[in-house]
Amino acid sequence: MSVRTGELDARTCRALLEGSQVGRVGVCTPAGPQILPVNYVVDGSSIVFRTAPYGVLGRHAWHGRIAFEIDDTDLATRSGWSVLATGQGELVEDAGELAALRAFTDNRPWGPGSRLLYVRLRWDSLTGRRVRGAP
C-alpha cells in the first residue's frame, strides 16, 4: 500500500480543532520538553484550556511559546491527520473574558482536582497534514 500525504489548509485545521475536545500541550521546562493532554475549547483564533496553578502547565504554559496538537488515525486504512498550533501562551485574567468563557463554553476540566487557571494559546501558526493509504 502506498501512502499519500498532503498539507491541510487553515480553514480545515480550524474546523478539525473546533470538532475535537482533547489535545496535547507541549511546553519547554527547565527539565526539558513536556507534553500533556488537556481538554480545550476554541475561542476566536485561540485555544483555551484550564490547568492547576502548581502543575507543569500552570507553571510553564503561559510564560512563553507553546505548542498544541490534535490528531486522528485509522489503523485499518493507514490514514489520519494531525493539526499543530503554536504561539504565545498567556494567562486569562480579565474578569469579563473569564465570565464569557464560563458562560459560553463548556471548558470544565475532565481531570480531577482544581483547575483554576485559564491559559490561552493565540496561535500564530496553524498547520496540518493528512496521510492516506492508497487503495
Foldseek 3Di string as FASTA:
>chain_A
DDKDKDKDDPVVLVVVLQVDFKKWKWWADPVGIDIGMWGWHDDPQKIKAFADCPDPCNVTQQPFKMKIKDKDADVVFRKIKMKMFMAHKHWDDDPVVVVCCVVPHDRDIPDDDDGPIMIMGNGPDIIMMIMTHDD
